[in-house]
Each structure stands twice: as structure tokens, then as C-alpha cells.
């Protein structure tokens, strides 16, 4: 009996050790306390829309629930889900508040992005915010990317850790795209700027694009390069979308559909959108400082530092 008691105690102790180790492995990067920079809340300057007014169901209609300005997109074994804007846009301010699936979500991708792949399958442009699901050991991460003229072989990814838990509450994800630069923001903090000048110009998206919000299975690459695929044991994976802001020059069939600042002249856009003014042409000093903070503290990958991937670095990296 004594030996049996010792054996049971040994098993209980080993179980406790394993539990503690697992708990340690789940400590997230956002458990660290960050003092975030003060920035202007650009999302307070634009109008929020009802989901049905701005979007149609692109795929997985049975996995989409809409209630006014809120939508829930679900990934399960049957399908992912996606919304696409009713209009195409030539530049603008695009934002949504997202809440990501809780629990283990390895291989899951929640994407908020602009693309014209359906209109230009061989020369498409794309501006991505992709939120890559967590495994048992790693948190959700933010991936940004830019494509132009079908340059999909040259990935321009930059990846960041979160400074908060994106599954516990809604947070703002924003893309500013104009003739000056493209800016990626999270909770109004710029994390990346892709300028339309110098060597960047050849890789700068320039054709009208639609806005997409999607959740889908990215098992082949999303979490640790595909090491951890989606485990549907933990499904359904529900991403919530709210307070979408679509403010830009909408262009359909080659003509503007909005009055005011969106006008056409001689087949080209002469005054493009509400973020083309001087206030949006460059980042403010506070925004530059905030972006520097995000990149120093939270960026863990940039394509311009990946010499093993590119024998010849993209021109803008030199």
C-alpha cells in the first residue's frame, strides 16, 4: 500500500509539473505590460456603416450572421466566411473593429484587406492585414503585406506581436491608402508605412480595389509556417466585426459613384479621396514616434532583413 501511495503521489506531482509547464507556455506576449503611445484617434473622424450597407457575402454565407453594424464570421469544417465591399475604391480610409476567435486557433487566418484579384487576376494589387491564429505556445500575430501588379512572388511581409489580447475585446484595424503612402494601424497606432516614392513606387498598389473581411483555413502556412494546422476539435472559430468605416472614392465601371471629393477628369482621378489632404500626406511627429515604438517593441520579422529568402533584396530594401 505504501508503494502504491508513493506511486500515486509521484503521478500527481508529475501532472502538476506538466500543468505548470503548459501554463508557462501559454504566457502570452501581451501579458507584458506596455505603456502605449498617445496618438490621434483617426477612427473618430470617419462615419461607421451598417454591414449590409457596405458589404455583400462573398463566400460561406451560412457562416455569416449580420446584425446592424455587427457581423460574426465563422470557420468550421464546412467552410470559412467572407464579406466583400459592394464598391471598389481608389484610395481611402478603411477600418473595422475586430474580435478574434478565443482558444487554440492555430492555422486560422482572419483577414482585413484590399484586393483587385478578381478584376486583375494576373496583375492584381493587394494591401493586407492578416491576423494569424495562435498555437498552444504562440500568440496571435499581425502580418502586413503589400502586392502590386501581380508581384506575389515577392512577399513584402512584416510581422508583429500584439500588445493586448485580441480575443478578449474589440480593437481597431485600419488601412490608409492614398497617393502618398499606405499606412497600417492597430488601435490608431501606426505599425508600418509603405511610401509611394523612390524604389517603392514600382511596388505600390495603384488600381481600384475592394475591401474584404474574411476568416479561413490557412493551415499550410499561417502558424509557424504550417507546422500547426487548424484543429477542428476546437471549432467553430468565430471572428466578430463591428464599426466598419469605408471612406474613399468608390469607383465602379470606371466612373466615380460618389459626389464631393471623388471626381474624374479626363479618365483619371483629379481629387481622389478624403485622406488625400495634407493631414494624411505624412505622419505627424506623434505618429512617427508611435510607429517607432511599435517597430522596436513588437516587430519580429521584416522581409527586408530576410537575406536567406532573397539572394537579391527587393529594390526598396537597399
Protein backbone atom coordinates (compact mmCIF):
# COMPACT_ATOMS: atom_id res chain seq x y z
CA UNK A 1 0.00 0.00 0.00
CA UNK A 2 2.86 2.37 0.84
CA UNK A 3 4.45 1.85 -2.56
CA UNK A 4 1.09 2.40 -4.27
CA UNK A 5 0.61 5.63 -2.32
CA UNK A 6 4.08 6.82 -3.34
CA UNK A 7 3.31 5.96 -6.97
CA UNK A 8 0.06 7.97 -6.89
CA UNK A 9 1.85 10.92 -5.30
CA UNK A 10 4.52 10.71 -8.00
CA UNK A 11 1.89 10.75 -10.73
CA UNK A 12 0.12 13.72 -9.11
CA UNK A 13 3.41 15.60 -8.83
CA UNK A 14 4.33 14.91 -12.47
CA UNK A 15 0.86 16.00 -13.57
CA UNK A 16 1.22 19.22 -11.62
CA UNK A 17 4.62 19.87 -13.20
CA UNK A 18 3.21 19.28 -16.70
CA UNK A 19 0.28 21.60 -15.92
CA UNK A 20 2.66 24.30 -14.72
CA UNK A 21 4.87 23.94 -17.79
CA UNK A 22 1.82 24.14 -20.06
CA UNK A 23 0.64 27.20 -18.20
CA UNK A 24 4.03 28.80 -18.64
CA UNK A 25 3.97 28.03 -22.34
CA UNK A 26 0.67 29.86 -22.62
CA UNK A 27 2.01 33.06 -21.12
CA UNK A 28 1.47 35.50 -23.92
CA UNK A 29 3.49 38.38 -25.24
CA UNK A 30 0.55 40.62 -24.39
CA UNK A 31 0.85 39.59 -20.73
CA UNK A 32 3.75 42.02 -20.66
CA UNK A 33 2.71 45.48 -19.60
CA UNK A 34 3.18 48.11 -22.30
CA UNK A 35 2.74 51.83 -21.98
CA UNK A 36 1.25 52.66 -25.36
CA UNK A 37 1.96 55.99 -27.08
CA UNK A 38 -0.66 58.71 -27.23
CA UNK A 39 -1.93 59.19 -30.78
CA UNK A 40 -4.79 60.92 -32.54
CA UNK A 41 -7.82 58.65 -32.84
CA UNK A 42 -8.29 58.83 -36.60
CA UNK A 43 -11.14 56.34 -36.37
CA UNK A 44 -13.21 59.02 -34.61
CA UNK A 45 -13.09 61.18 -37.75
CA UNK A 46 -15.00 58.85 -40.09
CA UNK A 47 -18.54 57.51 -40.29
CA UNK A 48 -19.35 53.94 -39.28
CA UNK A 49 -21.69 51.98 -41.53
CA UNK A 50 -24.13 49.10 -41.24
CA UNK A 51 -22.64 45.88 -42.59
CA UNK A 52 -25.47 45.33 -45.09
CA UNK A 53 -25.00 48.85 -46.49
CA UNK A 54 -21.37 48.34 -47.36
CA UNK A 55 -20.88 44.63 -47.98
CA UNK A 56 -22.24 41.52 -49.65
CA UNK A 57 -21.49 37.92 -48.72
CA UNK A 58 -18.52 36.67 -50.73
CA UNK A 59 -18.37 33.05 -49.52
CA UNK A 60 -19.63 30.89 -46.67
CA UNK A 61 -22.97 32.68 -46.45
CA UNK A 62 -24.28 30.08 -43.98
CA UNK A 63 -21.41 31.01 -41.65
CA UNK A 64 -22.17 34.75 -41.62
CA UNK A 65 -24.51 36.42 -39.13
CA UNK A 66 -25.26 40.12 -39.51
CA UNK A 67 -26.99 42.42 -37.05
CA UNK A 68 -26.75 46.09 -37.97
CA UNK A 69 -23.13 47.21 -37.63
CA UNK A 70 -22.02 43.82 -36.25
CA UNK A 71 -21.16 40.67 -38.18
CA UNK A 72 -19.93 37.28 -36.99
CA UNK A 73 -17.86 35.21 -39.41
CA UNK A 74 -17.31 31.53 -38.63
CA UNK A 75 -14.78 28.96 -39.75
CA UNK A 76 -15.78 25.33 -39.28
CA UNK A 77 -15.22 22.07 -41.16
CA UNK A 78 -17.77 23.05 -43.79
CA UNK A 79 -16.35 26.44 -44.76
CA UNK A 80 -14.82 29.73 -43.82
CA UNK A 81 -16.66 33.01 -44.39
CA UNK A 82 -16.07 36.30 -46.14
CA UNK A 83 -17.57 39.71 -46.85
CA UNK A 84 -16.63 41.95 -49.78
CA UNK A 85 -17.48 45.62 -50.22
CA UNK A 86 -20.21 46.50 -52.69
CA UNK A 87 -17.97 49.13 -54.25
CA UNK A 88 -14.40 49.30 -55.42
CA UNK A 89 -12.27 52.12 -54.08
CA UNK A 90 -9.45 54.22 -55.45
CA UNK A 91 -7.71 55.19 -52.20
CA UNK A 92 -9.41 55.85 -48.88
CA UNK A 93 -9.70 55.17 -45.16
CA UNK A 94 -10.70 51.59 -44.28
CA UNK A 95 -11.20 50.44 -40.71
CA UNK A 96 -13.03 47.87 -38.60
CA UNK A 97 -13.15 46.75 -35.02
CA UNK A 98 -12.36 43.04 -34.80
CA UNK A 99 -12.53 40.47 -32.04
CA UNK A 100 -10.62 37.27 -32.80
CA UNK A 101 -11.55 33.66 -32.02
CA UNK A 102 -10.68 32.63 -28.47
CA UNK A 103 -8.79 29.48 -27.51
CA UNK A 104 -6.42 27.48 -29.66
CA UNK A 105 -6.77 28.69 -33.23
CA UNK A 106 -3.61 27.52 -34.98
CA UNK A 107 -3.86 27.80 -38.76
CA UNK A 108 -6.81 30.20 -38.59
CA UNK A 109 -6.49 33.43 -40.58
CA UNK A 110 -8.67 36.48 -40.01
CA UNK A 111 -8.00 38.94 -42.82
CA UNK A 112 -8.90 42.59 -43.37
CA UNK A 113 -7.58 43.59 -46.76
CA UNK A 114 -7.93 45.39 -50.08
CA UNK A 115 -7.59 43.48 -53.34
CA UNK A 116 -8.50 43.58 -57.03
CA UNK A 117 -7.55 39.97 -57.82
CA UNK A 118 -10.97 39.26 -59.30
CA UNK A 119 -10.66 42.16 -61.76
CA UNK A 120 -6.93 41.77 -62.49
CA UNK A 121 -6.05 38.08 -61.93
CA UNK A 122 -2.56 38.40 -63.46
CA UNK A 123 -1.66 41.92 -62.35
CA UNK A 124 -3.56 42.34 -59.12
CA UNK A 125 -2.80 44.70 -56.24
CA UNK A 126 -3.32 43.88 -52.58
CA UNK A 127 -2.90 45.50 -49.16
CA UNK A 128 -3.21 43.02 -46.30
CA UNK A 129 -3.73 42.92 -42.59
CA UNK A 130 -3.72 39.21 -41.75
CA UNK A 131 -4.18 38.03 -38.18
CA UNK A 132 -2.60 34.61 -37.74
CA UNK A 133 -4.02 32.17 -35.21
CA UNK A 134 -2.34 31.04 -32.04
CA UNK A 135 -1.00 27.61 -31.21
CA UNK A 136 -0.54 26.19 -27.72
CA UNK A 137 2.77 28.01 -27.39
CA UNK A 138 2.40 31.11 -29.52
CA UNK A 139 0.02 34.05 -29.56
CA UNK A 140 -1.94 35.52 -32.40
CA UNK A 141 0.31 37.67 -34.57
CA UNK A 142 -0.22 40.54 -37.02
CA UNK A 143 1.07 40.20 -40.57
CA UNK A 144 1.03 43.09 -43.04
CA UNK A 145 1.78 42.76 -46.73
CA UNK A 146 1.70 44.73 -49.98
CA UNK A 147 1.47 43.48 -53.57
CA UNK A 148 1.34 45.45 -56.81
CA UNK A 149 0.88 44.41 -60.42
CA UNK A 150 0.82 40.71 -59.61
CA UNK A 151 4.12 40.72 -57.69
CA UNK A 152 3.04 37.82 -55.46
CA UNK A 153 6.42 36.10 -55.71
CA UNK A 154 7.94 39.00 -53.81
CA UNK A 155 6.29 38.92 -50.43
CA UNK A 156 6.69 42.17 -48.52
CA UNK A 157 5.58 40.84 -45.16
CA UNK A 158 6.22 42.44 -41.82
CA UNK A 159 5.04 40.69 -38.66
CA UNK A 160 4.24 42.00 -35.19
CA UNK A 161 3.29 40.73 -31.78
CA UNK A 162 0.15 42.12 -30.16
CA UNK A 163 0.42 44.29 -27.07
CA UNK A 164 -3.05 43.18 -25.94
CA UNK A 165 -5.20 40.06 -26.07
CA UNK A 166 -7.12 40.35 -29.38
CA UNK A 167 -9.61 37.67 -28.35
CA UNK A 168 -10.98 39.45 -25.27
CA UNK A 169 -12.33 42.68 -26.75
CA UNK A 170 -12.78 44.61 -30.00
CA UNK A 171 -9.79 46.54 -31.38
CA UNK A 172 -9.33 48.84 -34.37
CA UNK A 173 -7.52 47.66 -37.52
CA UNK A 174 -7.03 50.35 -40.14
CA UNK A 175 -5.57 50.84 -43.60
CA UNK A 176 -4.94 54.32 -45.01
CA UNK A 177 -4.23 54.16 -48.74
CA UNK A 178 -3.67 57.28 -50.80
CA UNK A 179 -1.35 58.63 -53.46
CA UNK A 180 1.30 59.45 -50.83
CA UNK A 181 1.63 56.27 -48.79
CA UNK A 182 -0.10 53.25 -47.30
CA UNK A 183 -0.26 53.12 -43.51
CA UNK A 184 -1.22 50.14 -41.36
CA UNK A 185 -2.62 50.99 -37.90
CA UNK A 186 -3.75 48.97 -34.91
CA UNK A 187 -5.80 50.86 -32.32
CA UNK A 188 -4.80 54.02 -34.21
CA UNK A 189 -1.08 53.32 -33.65
CA UNK A 190 0.81 53.16 -36.97
CA UNK A 191 2.84 49.96 -37.18
CA UNK A 192 4.01 50.29 -40.79
CA UNK A 193 4.26 52.86 -43.57
CA UNK A 194 4.77 51.94 -47.23
CA UNK A 195 5.55 55.15 -49.15
CA UNK A 196 4.75 55.85 -52.79
CA UNK A 197 8.14 57.24 -53.71
CA UNK A 198 11.56 56.17 -54.92
CA UNK A 199 12.10 52.43 -55.19
CA UNK A 200 8.76 51.77 -53.51
CA UNK A 201 6.76 53.21 -56.41
CA UNK A 202 7.08 50.16 -58.67
CA UNK A 203 5.58 48.04 -55.86
CA UNK A 204 2.85 50.50 -54.93
CA UNK A 205 -0.82 49.45 -55.38
CA UNK A 206 -2.50 51.83 -57.80
CA UNK A 207 -5.65 50.22 -59.23
CA UNK A 208 -9.16 50.33 -57.64
CA UNK A 209 -9.70 47.63 -55.03
CA UNK A 210 -12.48 46.06 -52.99
CA UNK A 211 -12.37 45.65 -49.22
CA UNK A 212 -12.62 42.13 -47.79
CA UNK A 213 -13.15 40.78 -44.28
CA UNK A 214 -12.66 37.03 -44.05
CA UNK A 215 -11.90 34.05 -41.82
CA UNK A 216 -10.42 30.96 -43.42
CA UNK A 217 -8.18 27.89 -43.08
CA UNK A 218 -4.53 28.82 -43.58
CA UNK A 219 -3.15 25.53 -42.32
CA UNK A 220 -0.45 25.35 -44.99
CA UNK A 221 1.38 28.45 -43.81
CA UNK A 222 -0.30 30.60 -41.15
CA UNK A 223 1.09 29.30 -37.84
CA UNK A 224 4.82 28.57 -37.70
CA UNK A 225 4.97 28.11 -41.47
CA UNK A 226 2.28 25.43 -41.42
CA UNK A 227 3.72 23.43 -38.52
CA UNK A 228 0.44 23.79 -36.64
CA UNK A 229 -2.64 23.33 -38.88
CA UNK A 230 -6.23 24.07 -37.92
CA UNK A 231 -7.51 21.62 -35.33
CA UNK A 232 -11.26 21.43 -35.86
CA UNK A 233 -11.61 19.85 -32.44
CA UNK A 234 -11.68 23.46 -31.22
CA UNK A 235 -14.12 24.73 -33.87
CA UNK A 236 -16.14 26.78 -34.51
CA UNK A 237 -13.77 29.74 -34.81
CA UNK A 238 -15.78 32.95 -34.69
CA UNK A 239 -14.41 36.36 -35.69
CA UNK A 240 -16.58 39.36 -34.86
CA UNK A 241 -16.57 42.51 -37.00
CA UNK A 242 -18.05 45.85 -35.95
CA UNK A 243 -17.97 49.59 -36.63
CA UNK A 244 -16.69 49.37 -40.19
CA UNK A 245 -15.55 52.63 -41.79
CA UNK A 246 -15.41 52.80 -45.58
CA UNK A 247 -14.46 56.29 -46.62
CA UNK A 248 -12.93 56.72 -50.04
CA UNK A 249 -13.57 57.36 -53.67
CA UNK A 250 -15.77 54.49 -54.83
CA UNK A 251 -15.23 53.63 -58.47
CA UNK A 252 -17.47 51.29 -60.43
CA UNK A 253 -17.23 50.62 -64.15
CA UNK A 254 -14.57 53.29 -64.50
CA UNK A 255 -16.62 56.13 -63.03
CA UNK A 256 -16.99 57.66 -59.61
CA UNK A 257 -20.22 56.86 -57.76
CA UNK A 258 -19.85 59.50 -55.08
CA UNK A 259 -20.15 63.24 -55.21
CA UNK A 260 -17.93 65.65 -53.38
CA UNK A 261 -14.19 64.98 -53.32
CA UNK A 262 -14.36 61.97 -55.64
CA UNK A 263 -14.27 63.29 -59.17
CA UNK A 264 -12.92 62.14 -62.51
CA UNK A 265 -11.19 64.33 -65.05
CA UNK A 266 -10.04 63.11 -68.42
CA UNK A 267 -10.19 59.48 -67.36
CA UNK A 268 -8.01 59.98 -64.29
CA UNK A 269 -8.82 60.85 -60.73
CA UNK A 270 -8.14 64.50 -60.04
CA UNK A 271 -9.20 64.69 -56.39
CA UNK A 272 -9.09 61.23 -55.03
CA UNK A 273 -10.48 60.82 -51.55
CA UNK A 274 -10.93 62.21 -48.04
CA UNK A 275 -7.44 61.08 -46.98
CA UNK A 276 -5.57 62.85 -49.77
CA UNK A 277 -5.21 66.16 -47.94
CA UNK A 278 -2.08 67.40 -46.23
CA UNK A 279 -3.14 65.94 -42.88
CA UNK A 280 -2.87 62.46 -44.40
CA UNK A 281 0.08 63.03 -46.73
CA UNK A 282 2.62 62.43 -43.97
CA UNK A 283 2.62 61.08 -40.45
CA UNK A 284 2.66 63.55 -37.58
CA UNK A 285 5.56 63.63 -35.15
CA UNK A 286 3.47 61.75 -32.58
CA UNK A 287 2.52 59.12 -35.17
CA UNK A 288 6.17 58.68 -36.20
CA UNK A 289 7.16 58.22 -32.56
CA UNK A 290 4.33 55.74 -32.05
CA UNK A 291 5.33 53.76 -35.13
CA UNK A 292 8.94 53.69 -33.93
CA UNK A 293 7.68 52.32 -30.59
CA UNK A 294 5.67 49.56 -32.29
CA UNK A 295 8.51 48.54 -34.57
CA UNK A 296 11.13 48.49 -31.81
CA UNK A 297 8.99 46.69 -29.27
CA UNK A 298 6.77 44.40 -31.32
CA UNK A 299 8.05 43.75 -34.86
CA UNK A 300 9.74 40.35 -35.12
CA UNK A 301 10.01 39.91 -38.90
CA UNK A 302 10.65 42.15 -41.91
CA UNK A 303 11.21 40.93 -45.43
CA UNK A 304 13.99 43.48 -45.81
CA UNK A 305 16.01 41.61 -43.19
CA UNK A 306 15.45 38.14 -44.64
CA UNK A 307 18.68 37.54 -46.54
CA UNK A 308 18.12 33.78 -46.60
CA UNK A 309 14.90 34.31 -48.53
CA UNK A 310 16.14 36.85 -51.06
CA UNK A 311 19.51 36.46 -52.75
CA UNK A 312 18.78 39.83 -54.31
CA UNK A 313 16.82 42.04 -51.95
CA UNK A 314 13.80 43.98 -53.28
CA UNK A 315 14.94 47.39 -54.53
CA UNK A 316 13.26 49.37 -51.74
CA UNK A 317 15.30 47.45 -49.11
CA UNK A 318 18.63 48.79 -50.35
